[in-house]
PDB file of N, CA and C in Angstrom:
ATOM      1  N   MET A   1      56.754 -78.279   8.018  1.00  0.00           N
ATOM      2  CA  MET A   1      56.196 -79.424   7.338  1.00  0.00           C
ATOM      3  C   MET A   1      55.855 -79.032   5.903  1.00  0.00           C
ATOM      4  N   LYS A   2      56.148 -79.921   4.990  1.00  0.00           N
ATOM      5  CA  LYS A   2      55.910 -79.655   3.582  1.00  0.00           C
ATOM      6  C   LYS A   2      54.414 -79.607   3.276  1.00  0.00           C
ATOM      7  N   ARG A   3      54.043 -78.661   2.455  1.00  0.00           N
ATOM      8  CA  ARG A   3      52.639 -78.522   2.056  1.00  0.00           C
ATOM      9  C   ARG A   3      52.293 -79.590   1.027  1.00  0.00           C
ATOM     10  N   ARG A   4      51.171 -80.280   1.253  1.00  0.00           N
ATOM     11  CA  ARG A   4      50.772 -81.366   0.366  1.00  0.00           C
ATOM     12  C   ARG A   4      49.620 -80.928  -0.527  1.00  0.00           C
ATOM     13  N   SER A   5      49.470 -81.640  -1.630  1.00  0.00           N
ATOM     14  CA  SER A   5      48.379 -81.333  -2.548  1.00  0.00           C
ATOM     15  C   SER A   5      47.053 -81.811  -1.951  1.00  0.00           C
ATOM     16  N   PHE A   6      45.978 -81.301  -2.505  1.00  0.00           N
ATOM     17  CA  PHE A   6      44.646 -81.714  -2.073  1.00  0.00           C
ATOM     18  C   PHE A   6      44.480 -83.219  -2.248  1.00  0.00           C
ATOM     19  N   GLN A   7      44.947 -83.733  -3.366  1.00  0.00           N
ATOM     20  CA  GLN A   7      44.832 -85.172  -3.639  1.00  0.00           C
ATOM     21  C   GLN A   7      45.586 -85.988  -2.591  1.00  0.00           C
ATOM     22  N   GLN A   8      46.793 -85.557  -2.225  1.00  0.00           N
ATOM     23  CA  GLN A   8      47.554 -86.265  -1.198  1.00  0.00           C
ATOM     24  C   GLN A   8      46.834 -86.220   0.151  1.00  0.00           C
ATOM     25  N   SER A   9      46.245 -85.089   0.458  1.00  0.00           N
ATOM     26  CA  SER A   9      45.494 -84.957   1.704  1.00  0.00           C
ATOM     27  C   SER A   9      44.285 -85.893   1.720  1.00  0.00           C
ATOM     28  N   MET A  10      43.593 -85.982   0.595  1.00  0.00           N
ATOM     29  CA  MET A  10      42.435 -86.878   0.511  1.00  0.00           C
ATOM     30  C   MET A  10      42.854 -88.339   0.650  1.00  0.00           C
ATOM     31  N   VAL A  11      43.950 -88.719   0.020  1.00  0.00           N
ATOM     32  CA  VAL A  11      44.446 -90.089   0.122  1.00  0.00           C
ATOM     33  C   VAL A  11      44.788 -90.408   1.581  1.00  0.00           C
ATOM     34  N   SER A  12      45.417 -89.471   2.269  1.00  0.00           N
ATOM     35  CA  SER A  12      45.748 -89.677   3.681  1.00  0.00           C
ATOM     36  C   SER A  12      44.488 -89.815   4.530  1.00  0.00           C
ATOM     37  N   ALA A  13      43.495 -88.981   4.271  1.00  0.00           N
ATOM     38  CA  ALA A  13      42.249 -89.032   5.032  1.00  0.00           C
ATOM     39  C   ALA A  13      41.530 -90.360   4.828  1.00  0.00           C
ATOM     40  N   VAL A  14      41.435 -90.799   3.586  1.00  0.00           N
ATOM     41  CA  VAL A  14      40.772 -92.072   3.293  1.00  0.00           C
ATOM     42  C   VAL A  14      41.559 -93.229   3.903  1.00  0.00           C
ATOM     43  N   SER A  15      42.860 -93.140   3.856  1.00  0.00           N
ATOM     44  CA  SER A  15      43.717 -94.159   4.476  1.00  0.00           C
ATOM     45  C   SER A  15      43.455 -94.244   5.981  1.00  0.00           C
ATOM     46  N   GLY A  16      43.314 -93.092   6.619  1.00  0.00           N
ATOM     47  CA  GLY A  16      43.012 -93.066   8.050  1.00  0.00           C
ATOM     48  C   GLY A  16      41.668 -93.695   8.358  1.00  0.00           C
ATOM     49  N   LEU A  17      40.686 -93.432   7.502  1.00  0.00           N
ATOM     50  CA  LEU A  17      39.365 -94.044   7.700  1.00  0.00           C
ATOM     51  C   LEU A  17      39.434 -95.558   7.564  1.00  0.00           C
ATOM     52  N   PHE A  18      40.114 -96.036   6.522  1.00  0.00           N
ATOM     53  CA  PHE A  18      40.229 -97.483   6.326  1.00  0.00           C
ATOM     54  C   PHE A  18      40.994 -98.139   7.473  1.00  0.00           C
ATOM     55  N   MET A  19      42.039 -97.475   7.973  1.00  0.00           N
ATOM     56  CA  MET A  19      42.795 -98.007   9.106  1.00  0.00           C
ATOM     57  C   MET A  19      41.890 -98.139  10.322  1.00  0.00           C
ATOM     58  N   THR A  20      41.050 -97.143  10.540  1.00  0.00           N
ATOM     59  CA  THR A  20      40.147 -97.190  11.686  1.00  0.00           C
ATOM     60  C   THR A  20      39.138 -98.328  11.534  1.00  0.00           C
ATOM     61  N   VAL A  21      38.595 -98.493  10.360  1.00  0.00           N
ATOM     62  CA  VAL A  21      37.631 -99.577  10.130  1.00  0.00           C
ATOM     63  C   VAL A  21      38.300-100.930  10.315  1.00  0.00           C
ATOM     64  N   ARG A  22      39.507-101.086   9.780  1.00  0.00           N
ATOM     65  CA  ARG A  22      40.222-102.364   9.889  1.00  0.00           C
ATOM     66  C   ARG A  22      40.608-102.702  11.322  1.00  0.00           C
ATOM     67  N   SER A  23      41.011-101.703  12.087  1.00  0.00           N
ATOM     68  CA  SER A  23      41.630-101.985  13.380  1.00  0.00           C
ATOM     69  C   SER A  23      40.691-101.851  14.586  1.00  0.00           C
ATOM     70  N   GLU A  24      39.564-101.204  14.421  1.00  0.00           N
ATOM     71  CA  GLU A  24      38.705-100.927  15.575  1.00  0.00           C
ATOM     72  C   GLU A  24      37.387-101.688  15.491  1.00  0.00           C
ATOM     73  N   ARG A  25      37.187-102.592  16.438  1.00  0.00           N
ATOM     74  CA  ARG A  25      35.958-103.379  16.498  1.00  0.00           C
ATOM     75  C   ARG A  25      34.737-102.468  16.639  1.00  0.00           C
ATOM     76  N   ASN A  26      34.839-101.442  17.476  1.00  0.00           N
ATOM     77  CA  ASN A  26      33.693-100.562  17.691  1.00  0.00           C
ATOM     78  C   ASN A  26      33.310 -99.795  16.438  1.00  0.00           C
ATOM     79  N   MET A  27      34.283 -99.475  15.591  1.00  0.00           N
ATOM     80  CA  MET A  27      33.960 -98.801  14.329  1.00  0.00           C
ATOM     81  C   MET A  27      33.129 -99.727  13.453  1.00  0.00           C
ATOM     82  N   LYS A  28      33.460-100.994  13.455  1.00  0.00           N
ATOM     83  CA  LYS A  28      32.672-101.961  12.686  1.00  0.00           C
ATOM     84  C   LYS A  28      31.241-102.037  13.227  1.00  0.00           C
ATOM     85  N   ILE A  29      31.112-102.003  14.548  1.00  0.00           N
ATOM     86  CA  ILE A  29      29.785-102.019  15.168  1.00  0.00           C
ATOM     87  C   ILE A  29      29.001-100.767  14.783  1.00  0.00           C
ATOM     88  N   HIS A  30      29.665 -99.610  14.818  1.00  0.00           N
ATOM     89  CA  HIS A  30      29.000 -98.358  14.435  1.00  0.00           C
ATOM     90  C   HIS A  30      28.568 -98.383  12.974  1.00  0.00           C
ATOM     91  N   LEU A  31      29.408 -98.931  12.111  1.00  0.00           N
ATOM     92  CA  LEU A  31      29.042 -99.018  10.688  1.00  0.00           C
ATOM     93  C   LEU A  31      27.866 -99.958  10.473  1.00  0.00           C
ATOM     94  N   LEU A  32      27.824-101.057  11.213  1.00  0.00           N
ATOM     95  CA  LEU A  32      26.679-101.967  11.127  1.00  0.00           C
ATOM     96  C   LEU A  32      25.407-101.259  11.594  1.00  0.00           C
ATOM     97  N   ALA A  33      25.497-100.531  12.698  1.00  0.00           N
ATOM     98  CA  ALA A  33      24.340 -99.781  13.200  1.00  0.00           C
ATOM     99  C   ALA A  33      23.892 -98.739  12.176  1.00  0.00           C
ATOM    100  N   ALA A  34      24.849 -98.074  11.530  1.00  0.00           N
ATOM    101  CA  ALA A  34      24.521 -97.082  10.505  1.00  0.00           C
ATOM    102  C   ALA A  34      23.807 -97.743   9.329  1.00  0.00           C
ATOM    103  N   PHE A  35      24.282 -98.907   8.927  1.00  0.00           N
ATOM    104  CA  PHE A  35      23.643 -99.646   7.834  1.00  0.00           C
ATOM    105  C   PHE A  35      22.210-100.031   8.212  1.00  0.00           C
ATOM    106  N   LEU A  36      22.038-100.525   9.438  1.00  0.00           N
ATOM    107  CA  LEU A  36      20.702-100.926   9.889  1.00  0.00           C
ATOM    108  C   LEU A  36      19.763 -99.726   9.983  1.00  0.00           C
ATOM    109  N   ALA A  37      20.263 -98.602  10.489  1.00  0.00           N
ATOM    110  CA  ALA A  37      19.441 -97.393  10.602  1.00  0.00           C
ATOM    111  C   ALA A  37      19.051 -96.888   9.216  1.00  0.00           C
ATOM    112  N   THR A  38      19.985 -96.933   8.285  1.00  0.00           N
ATOM    113  CA  THR A  38      19.704 -96.495   6.916  1.00  0.00           C
ATOM    114  C   THR A  38      18.670 -97.417   6.268  1.00  0.00           C
ATOM    115  N   THR A  39      18.827 -98.704   6.464  1.00  0.00           N
ATOM    116  CA  THR A  39      17.873 -99.676   5.923  1.00  0.00           C
ATOM    117  C   THR A  39      16.485 -99.458   6.509  1.00  0.00           C
ATOM    118  N   LEU A  40      16.424 -99.220   7.824  1.00  0.00           N
ATOM    119  CA  LEU A  40      15.147 -98.961   8.478  1.00  0.00           C
ATOM    120  C   LEU A  40      14.527 -97.665   7.954  1.00  0.00           C
ATOM    121  N   GLY A  41      15.355 -96.644   7.749  1.00  0.00           N
ATOM    122  CA  GLY A  41      14.861 -95.386   7.194  1.00  0.00           C
ATOM    123  C   GLY A  41      14.252 -95.576   5.819  1.00  0.00           C
ATOM    124  N   LEU A  42      14.909 -96.383   4.998  1.00  0.00           N
ATOM    125  CA  LEU A  42      14.376 -96.671   3.664  1.00  0.00           C
ATOM    126  C   LEU A  42      13.069 -97.449   3.763  1.00  0.00           C
ATOM    127  N   ALA A  43      13.026 -98.428   4.636  1.00  0.00           N
ATOM    128  CA  ALA A  43      11.832 -99.270   4.783  1.00  0.00           C
ATOM    129  C   ALA A  43      10.639 -98.467   5.302  1.00  0.00           C
ATOM    130  N   LEU A  44      10.903 -97.523   6.200  1.00  0.00           N
ATOM    131  CA  LEU A  44       9.815 -96.751   6.797  1.00  0.00           C
ATOM    132  C   LEU A  44       9.446 -95.512   5.992  1.00  0.00           C
ATOM    133  N   GLY A  45      10.276 -95.139   5.039  1.00  0.00           N
ATOM    134  CA  GLY A  45       9.989 -93.969   4.210  1.00  0.00           C
ATOM    135  C   GLY A  45      10.078 -92.659   4.986  1.00  0.00           C
ATOM    136  N   ILE A  46      11.133 -92.496   5.762  1.00  0.00           N
ATOM    137  CA  ILE A  46      11.278 -91.263   6.537  1.00  0.00           C
ATOM    138  C   ILE A  46      11.434 -90.063   5.593  1.00  0.00           C
ATOM    139  N   ASN A  47      11.108 -88.870   6.096  1.00  0.00           N
ATOM    140  CA  ASN A  47      11.129 -87.679   5.245  1.00  0.00           C
ATOM    141  C   ASN A  47      12.529 -87.049   5.169  1.00  0.00           C
ATOM    142  N   ARG A  48      12.636 -85.994   4.376  1.00  0.00           N
ATOM    143  CA  ARG A  48      13.941 -85.359   4.128  1.00  0.00           C
ATOM    144  C   ARG A  48      14.578 -84.810   5.401  1.00  0.00           C
ATOM    145  N   ILE A  49      13.816 -84.199   6.247  1.00  0.00           N
ATOM    146  CA  ILE A  49      14.366 -83.649   7.490  1.00  0.00           C
ATOM    147  C   ILE A  49      14.872 -84.781   8.371  1.00  0.00           C
ATOM    148  N   GLU A  50      14.108 -85.848   8.444  1.00  0.00           N
ATOM    149  CA  GLU A  50      14.531 -87.004   9.234  1.00  0.00           C
ATOM    150  C   GLU A  50      15.798 -87.629   8.654  1.00  0.00           C
ATOM    151  N   TRP A  51      15.911 -87.681   7.335  1.00  0.00           N
ATOM    152  CA  TRP A  51      17.142 -88.174   6.707  1.00  0.00           C
ATOM    153  C   TRP A  51      18.326 -87.288   7.085  1.00  0.00           C
ATOM    154  N   GLY A  52      18.104 -85.992   7.075  1.00  0.00           N
ATOM    155  CA  GLY A  52      19.172 -85.078   7.457  1.00  0.00           C
ATOM    156  C   GLY A  52      19.625 -85.310   8.882  1.00  0.00           C
ATOM    157  N   LEU A  53      18.663 -85.443   9.789  1.00  0.00           N
ATOM    158  CA  LEU A  53      18.998 -85.708  11.187  1.00  0.00           C
ATOM    159  C   LEU A  53      19.685 -87.059  11.351  1.00  0.00           C
ATOM    160  N   LEU A  54      19.218 -88.054  10.604  1.00  0.00           N
ATOM    161  CA  LEU A  54      19.828 -89.378  10.671  1.00  0.00           C
ATOM    162  C   LEU A  54      21.271 -89.337  10.177  1.00  0.00           C
ATOM    163  N   CYS A  55      21.507 -88.659   9.060  1.00  0.00           N
ATOM    164  CA  CYS A  55      22.872 -88.543   8.522  1.00  0.00           C
ATOM    165  C   CYS A  55      23.791 -87.809   9.500  1.00  0.00           C
ATOM    166  N   LEU A  56      23.308 -86.706  10.055  1.00  0.00           N
ATOM    167  CA  LEU A  56      24.113 -85.982  11.045  1.00  0.00           C
ATOM    168  C   LEU A  56      24.455 -86.863  12.236  1.00  0.00           C
ATOM    169  N   THR A  57      23.487 -87.618  12.692  1.00  0.00           N
ATOM    170  CA  THR A  57      23.693 -88.490  13.841  1.00  0.00           C
ATOM    171  C   THR A  57      24.714 -89.588  13.526  1.00  0.00           C
ATOM    172  N   ILE A  58      24.562 -90.222  12.380  1.00  0.00           N
ATOM    173  CA  ILE A  58      25.494 -91.287  11.984  1.00  0.00           C
ATOM    174  C   ILE A  58      26.903 -90.730  11.880  1.00  0.00           C
ATOM    175  N   PHE A  59      27.057 -89.612  11.208  1.00  0.00           N
ATOM    176  CA  PHE A  59      28.396 -89.057  11.015  1.00  0.00           C
ATOM    177  C   PHE A  59      29.001 -88.546  12.321  1.00  0.00           C
ATOM    178  N   LEU A  60      28.185 -88.080  13.241  1.00  0.00           N
ATOM    179  CA  LEU A  60      28.686 -87.673  14.550  1.00  0.00           C
ATOM    180  C   LEU A  60      29.320 -88.856  15.270  1.00  0.00           C
ATOM    181  N   VAL A  61      28.656 -89.997  15.259  1.00  0.00           N
ATOM    182  CA  VAL A  61      29.197 -91.191  15.915  1.00  0.00           C
ATOM    183  C   VAL A  61      30.482 -91.636  15.227  1.00  0.00           C
ATOM    184  N   LEU A  62      30.482 -91.676  13.904  1.00  0.00           N
ATOM    185  CA  LEU A  62      31.684 -92.126  13.174  1.00  0.00           C
ATOM    186  C   LEU A  62      32.847 -91.171  13.402  1.00  0.00           C
ATOM    187  N   MET A  63      32.576 -89.865  13.401  1.00  0.00           N
ATOM    188  CA  MET A  63      33.639 -88.884  13.649  1.00  0.00           C
ATOM    189  C   MET A  63      34.202 -89.037  15.060  1.00  0.00           C
ATOM    190  N   ALA A  64      33.336 -89.267  16.035  1.00  0.00           N
ATOM    191  CA  ALA A  64      33.802 -89.448  17.407  1.00  0.00           C
ATOM    192  C   ALA A  64      34.699 -90.678  17.511  1.00  0.00           C
ATOM    193  N   GLU A  65      34.325 -91.745  16.826  1.00  0.00           N
ATOM    194  CA  GLU A  65      35.140 -92.973  16.867  1.00  0.00           C
ATOM    195  C   GLU A  65      36.492 -92.762  16.199  1.00  0.00           C
ATOM    196  N   VAL A  66      36.521 -92.052  15.085  1.00  0.00           N
ATOM    197  CA  VAL A  66      37.796 -91.767  14.416  1.00  0.00           C
ATOM    198  C   VAL A  66      38.681 -90.893  15.303  1.00  0.00           C
ATOM    199  N   ALA A  67      38.104 -89.863  15.916  1.00  0.00           N
ATOM    200  CA  ALA A  67      38.870 -88.995  16.810  1.00  0.00           C
ATOM    201  C   ALA A  67      39.381 -89.772  18.016  1.00  0.00           C
ATOM    202  N   ASN A  68      38.564 -90.653  18.567  1.00  0.00           N
ATOM    203  CA  ASN A  68      38.979 -91.494  19.682  1.00  0.00           C
ATOM    204  C   ASN A  68      40.165 -92.372  19.288  1.00  0.00           C
ATOM    205  N   THR A  69      40.090 -92.973  18.121  1.00  0.00           N
ATOM    206  CA  THR A  69      41.184 -93.823  17.639  1.00  0.00           C
ATOM    207  C   THR A  69      42.462 -93.012  17.467  1.00  0.00           C
ATOM    208  N   ALA A  70      42.343 -91.826  16.890  1.00  0.00           N
ATOM    209  CA  ALA A  70      43.515 -90.971  16.692  1.00  0.00           C
ATOM    210  C   ALA A  70      44.146 -90.607  18.031  1.00  0.00           C
ATOM    211  N   LEU A  71      43.319 -90.217  18.986  1.00  0.00           N
ATOM    212  CA  LEU A  71      43.852 -89.848  20.297  1.00  0.00           C
ATOM    213  C   LEU A  71      44.521 -91.040  20.982  1.00  0.00           C
ATOM    214  N   GLU A  72      43.913 -92.212  20.887  1.00  0.00           N
ATOM    215  CA  GLU A  72      44.519 -93.403  21.483  1.00  0.00           C
ATOM    216  C   GLU A  72      45.886 -93.695  20.869  1.00  0.00           C
ATOM    217  N   ARG A  73      46.000 -93.546  19.553  1.00  0.00           N
ATOM    218  CA  ARG A  73      47.281 -93.806  18.883  1.00  0.00           C
ATOM    219  C   ARG A  73      48.349 -92.798  19.310  1.00  0.00           C
ATOM    220  N   VAL A  74      47.971 -91.534  19.437  1.00  0.00           N
ATOM    221  CA  VAL A  74      48.925 -90.507  19.865  1.00  0.00           C
ATOM    222  C   VAL A  74      49.387 -90.776  21.295  1.00  0.00           C
ATOM    223  N   VAL A  75      48.456 -91.105  22.173  1.00  0.00           N
ATOM    224  CA  VAL A  75      48.825 -91.408  23.555  1.00  0.00           C
ATOM    225  C   VAL A  75      49.773 -92.604  23.594  1.00  0.00           C
ATOM    226  N   ASP A  76      49.463 -93.642  22.814  1.00  0.00           N
ATOM    227  CA  ASP A  76      50.339 -94.822  22.772  1.00  0.00           C
ATOM    228  C   ASP A  76      51.712 -94.479  22.216  1.00  0.00           C
ATOM    229  N   LEU A  77      51.771 -93.530  21.294  1.00  0.00           N
ATOM    230  CA  LEU A  77      53.048 -93.098  20.722  1.00  0.00           C
ATOM    231  C   LEU A  77      53.888 -92.355  21.749  1.00  0.00           C
ATOM    232  N   VAL A  78      53.240 -91.541  22.564  1.00  0.00           N
ATOM    233  CA  VAL A  78      53.949 -90.697  23.526  1.00  0.00           C
ATOM    234  C   VAL A  78      54.436 -91.494  24.729  1.00  0.00           C
ATOM    235  N   THR A  79      53.647 -92.461  25.193  1.00  0.00           N
ATOM    236  CA  THR A  79      54.052 -93.210  26.380  1.00  0.00           C
ATOM    237  C   THR A  79      53.700 -94.682  26.235  1.00  0.00           C
ATOM    238  N   ALA A  80      54.690 -95.523  26.467  1.00  0.00           N
ATOM    239  CA  ALA A  80      54.472 -96.963  26.399  1.00  0.00           C
ATOM    240  C   ALA A  80      54.083 -97.519  27.770  1.00  0.00           C
ATOM    241  N   GLU A  81      54.475 -96.818  28.820  1.00  0.00           N
ATOM    242  CA  GLU A  81      54.145 -97.295  30.166  1.00  0.00           C
ATOM    243  C   GLU A  81      52.863 -96.636  30.656  1.00  0.00           C
ATOM    244  N   TYR A  82      52.311 -97.215  31.708  1.00  0.00           N
ATOM    245  CA  TYR A  82      51.075 -96.686  32.273  1.00  0.00           C
ATOM    246  C   TYR A  82      51.305 -95.297  32.859  1.00  0.00           C
ATOM    247  N   HIS A  83      50.380 -94.404  32.576  1.00  0.00           N
ATOM    248  CA  HIS A  83      50.406 -93.074  33.171  1.00  0.00           C
ATOM    249  C   HIS A  83      48.960 -92.655  33.404  1.00  0.00           C
ATOM    250  N   PRO A  84      48.635 -92.113  34.594  1.00  0.00           N
ATOM    251  CA  PRO A  84      47.244 -91.746  34.868  1.00  0.00           C
ATOM    252  C   PRO A  84      46.683 -90.714  33.905  1.00  0.00           C
ATOM    253  N   LEU A  85      47.498 -89.794  33.412  1.00  0.00           N
ATOM    254  CA  LEU A  85      47.003 -88.803  32.453  1.00  0.00           C
ATOM    255  C   LEU A  85      46.687 -89.443  31.101  1.00  0.00           C
ATOM    256  N   ALA A  86      47.470 -90.435  30.720  1.00  0.00           N
ATOM    257  CA  ALA A  86      47.192 -91.155  29.474  1.00  0.00           C
ATOM    258  C   ALA A  86      45.846 -91.874  29.592  1.00  0.00           C
ATOM    259  N   ARG A  87      45.624 -92.502  30.732  1.00  0.00           N
ATOM    260  CA  ARG A  87      44.351 -93.183  30.958  1.00  0.00           C
ATOM    261  C   ARG A  87      43.203 -92.179  30.927  1.00  0.00           C
ATOM    262  N   THR A  88      43.384 -91.029  31.565  1.00  0.00           N
ATOM    263  CA  THR A  88      42.352 -90.000  31.589  1.00  0.00           C
ATOM    264  C   THR A  88      42.025 -89.520  30.181  1.00  0.00           C
ATOM    265  N   ALA A  89      43.047 -89.285  29.366  1.00  0.00           N
ATOM    266  CA  ALA A  89      42.826 -88.829  27.985  1.00  0.00           C
ATOM    267  C   ALA A  89      42.060 -89.880  27.185  1.00  0.00           C
ATOM    268  N   LYS A  90      42.467 -91.139  27.303  1.00  0.00           N
ATOM    269  CA  LYS A  90      41.785 -92.202  26.567  1.00  0.00           C
ATOM    270  C   LYS A  90      40.345 -92.364  27.045  1.00  0.00           C
ATOM    271  N   ASN A  91      40.140 -92.296  28.344  1.00  0.00           N
ATOM    272  CA  ASN A  91      38.783 -92.444  28.879  1.00  0.00           C
ATOM    273  C   ASN A  91      37.883 -91.287  28.452  1.00  0.00           C
ATOM    274  N   ALA A  92      38.434 -90.081  28.419  1.00  0.00           N
ATOM    275  CA  ALA A  92      37.644 -88.929  27.994  1.00  0.00           C
ATOM    276  C   ALA A  92      37.230 -89.071  26.527  1.00  0.00           C
ATOM    277  N   ALA A  93      38.153 -89.517  25.680  1.00  0.00           N
ATOM    278  CA  ALA A  93      37.821 -89.715  24.264  1.00  0.00           C
ATOM    279  C   ALA A  93      36.780 -90.816  24.105  1.00  0.00           C
ATOM    280  N   ALA A  94      36.917 -91.883  24.875  1.00  0.00           N
ATOM    281  CA  ALA A  94      35.914 -92.952  24.833  1.00  0.00           C
ATOM    282  C   ALA A  94      34.568 -92.427  25.322  1.00  0.00           C
ATOM    283  N   GLY A  95      34.588 -91.539  26.308  1.00  0.00           N
ATOM    284  CA  GLY A  95      33.356 -90.925  26.797  1.00  0.00           C
ATOM    285  C   GLY A  95      32.661 -90.117  25.722  1.00  0.00           C
ATOM    286  N   ALA A  96      33.437 -89.444  24.883  1.00  0.00           N
ATOM    287  CA  ALA A  96      32.845 -88.680  23.777  1.00  0.00           C
ATOM    288  C   ALA A  96      32.133 -89.615  22.803  1.00  0.00           C
ATOM    289  N   VAL A  97      32.731 -90.769  22.545  1.00  0.00           N
ATOM    290  CA  VAL A  97      32.081 -91.750  21.672  1.00  0.00           C
ATOM    291  C   VAL A  97      30.792 -92.251  22.326  1.00  0.00           C
ATOM    292  N   LEU A  98      30.858 -92.516  23.616  1.00  0.00           N
ATOM    293  CA  LEU A  98      29.672 -92.983  24.330  1.00  0.00           C
ATOM    294  C   LEU A  98      28.547 -91.952  24.262  1.00  0.00           C
ATOM    295  N   LEU A  99      28.875 -90.684  24.468  1.00  0.00           N
ATOM    296  CA  LEU A  99      27.862 -89.639  24.376  1.00  0.00           C
ATOM    297  C   LEU A  99      27.238 -89.579  22.984  1.00  0.00           C
ATOM    298  N   SER A 100      28.065 -89.712  21.951  1.00  0.00           N
ATOM    299  CA  SER A 100      27.518 -89.666  20.589  1.00  0.00           C
ATOM    300  C   SER A 100      26.642 -90.889  20.315  1.00  0.00           C
ATOM    301  N   ALA A 101      27.007 -92.039  20.880  1.00  0.00           N
ATOM    302  CA  ALA A 101      26.191 -93.247  20.702  1.00  0.00           C
ATOM    303  C   ALA A 101      24.858 -93.119  21.450  1.00  0.00           C
ATOM    304  N   ILE A 102      24.876 -92.540  22.645  1.00  0.00           N
ATOM    305  CA  ILE A 102      23.626 -92.305  23.385  1.00  0.00           C
ATOM    306  C   ILE A 102      22.739 -91.351  22.591  1.00  0.00           C
ATOM    307  N   ASN A 103      23.342 -90.296  22.043  1.00  0.00           N
ATOM    308  CA  ASN A 103      22.595 -89.368  21.197  1.00  0.00           C
ATOM    309  C   ASN A 103      21.975 -90.113  20.013  1.00  0.00           C
ATOM    310  N   ALA A 104      22.718 -91.052  19.425  1.00  0.00           N
ATOM    311  CA  ALA A 104      22.192 -91.810  18.285  1.00  0.00           C
ATOM    312  C   ALA A 104      20.972 -92.629  18.688  1.00  0.00           C
ATOM    313  N   LEU A 105      20.999 -93.215  19.872  1.00  0.00           N
ATOM    314  CA  LEU A 105      19.840 -93.979  20.341  1.00  0.00           C
ATOM    315  C   LEU A 105      18.638 -93.073  20.567  1.00  0.00           C
ATOM    316  N   ILE A 106      18.883 -91.908  21.137  1.00  0.00           N
ATOM    317  CA  ILE A 106      17.797 -90.945  21.347  1.00  0.00           C
ATOM    318  C   ILE A 106      17.212 -90.508  20.004  1.00  0.00           C
ATOM    319  N   MET A 107      18.082 -90.195  19.052  1.00  0.00           N
ATOM    320  CA  MET A 107      17.613 -89.775  17.734  1.00  0.00           C
ATOM    321  C   MET A 107      16.863 -90.904  17.036  1.00  0.00           C
ATOM    322  N   ALA A 108      17.305 -92.139  17.214  1.00  0.00           N
ATOM    323  CA  ALA A 108      16.594 -93.274  16.620  1.00  0.00           C
ATOM    324  C   ALA A 108      15.174 -93.339  17.168  1.00  0.00           C
ATOM    325  N   GLY A 109      15.031 -93.129  18.459  1.00  0.00           N
ATOM    326  CA  GLY A 109      13.691 -93.120  19.050  1.00  0.00           C
ATOM    327  C   GLY A 109      12.831 -92.000  18.517  1.00  0.00           C
ATOM    328  N   ILE A 110      13.432 -90.815  18.379  1.00  0.00           N
ATOM    329  CA  ILE A 110      12.687 -89.657  17.879  1.00  0.00           C
ATOM    330  C   ILE A 110      12.284 -89.840  16.415  1.00  0.00           C
ATOM    331  N   ILE A 111      13.205 -90.345  15.621  1.00  0.00           N
ATOM    332  CA  ILE A 111      12.940 -90.485  14.179  1.00  0.00           C
ATOM    333  C   ILE A 111      12.072 -91.704  13.886  1.00  0.00           C
ATOM    334  N   PHE A 112      12.443 -92.860  14.425  1.00  0.00           N
ATOM    335  CA  PHE A 112      11.758 -94.102  14.048  1.00  0.00           C
ATOM    336  C   PHE A 112      10.555 -94.416  14.927  1.00  0.00           C
ATOM    337  N   GLY A 113      10.552 -93.886  16.139  1.00  0.00           N
ATOM    338  CA  GLY A 113       9.475 -94.201  17.076  1.00  0.00           C
ATOM    339  C   GLY A 113       8.074 -93.988  16.527  1.00  0.00           C
ATOM    340  N   PRO A 114       7.780 -92.792  16.011  1.00  0.00           N
ATOM    341  CA  PRO A 114       6.425 -92.560  15.491  1.00  0.00           C
ATOM    342  C   PRO A 114       6.040 -93.513  14.352  1.00  0.00           C
ATOM    343  N   TYR A 115       6.980 -93.875  13.506  1.00  0.00           N
ATOM    344  CA  TYR A 115       6.690 -94.786  12.411  1.00  0.00           C
ATOM    345  C   TYR A 115       6.406 -96.185  12.943  1.00  0.00           C
ATOM    346  N   LEU A 116       7.192 -96.612  13.924  1.00  0.00           N
ATOM    347  CA  LEU A 116       7.031 -97.966  14.458  1.00  0.00           C
ATOM    348  C   LEU A 116       5.787 -98.087  15.326  1.00  0.00           C
ATOM    349  N   CYS A 117       5.380 -97.005  15.976  1.00  0.00           N
ATOM    350  CA  CYS A 117       4.177 -97.036  16.814  1.00  0.00           C
ATOM    351  C   CYS A 117       2.902 -97.087  15.981  1.00  0.00           C
ATOM    352  N   LYS A 118       2.953 -96.613  14.732  1.00  0.00           N
ATOM    353  CA  LYS A 118       1.797 -96.658  13.832  1.00  0.00           C
ATOM    354  C   LYS A 118       1.483 -98.083  13.401  1.00  0.00           C
ATOM    355  N   ARG A 119       2.494 -98.910  13.357  1.00  0.00           N
ATOM    356  CA  ARG A 119       2.338-100.258  12.793  1.00  0.00           C
ATOM    357  C   ARG A 119       1.672-101.213  13.713  1.00  0.00           C
TER     358      ARG A 119
END
């Protein structure tokens, strides 16, 4: 495979992100949740460590969704008909997204809970 420039690699990466946002309903939901969490963080005045944890959590969910989308596309490319291994691969990738989303809810409770309980 031909070696590409850094700029070409970045364009491809950004293109992949935009494709995921355009084509995946769950990515839109995750982005909305990220926006709401960020807005809540600003409103509550969370500290630097909490911002770091919030950013890590948001990006973990988004990365899991992008990886899930990539795996689904590869599986669809390899087989057009139903295959139990294809289903297993897709379900496992979806499970990774679910785990990251559960982690995000737990982190939201840890980060925002004390602020909301004070009010």
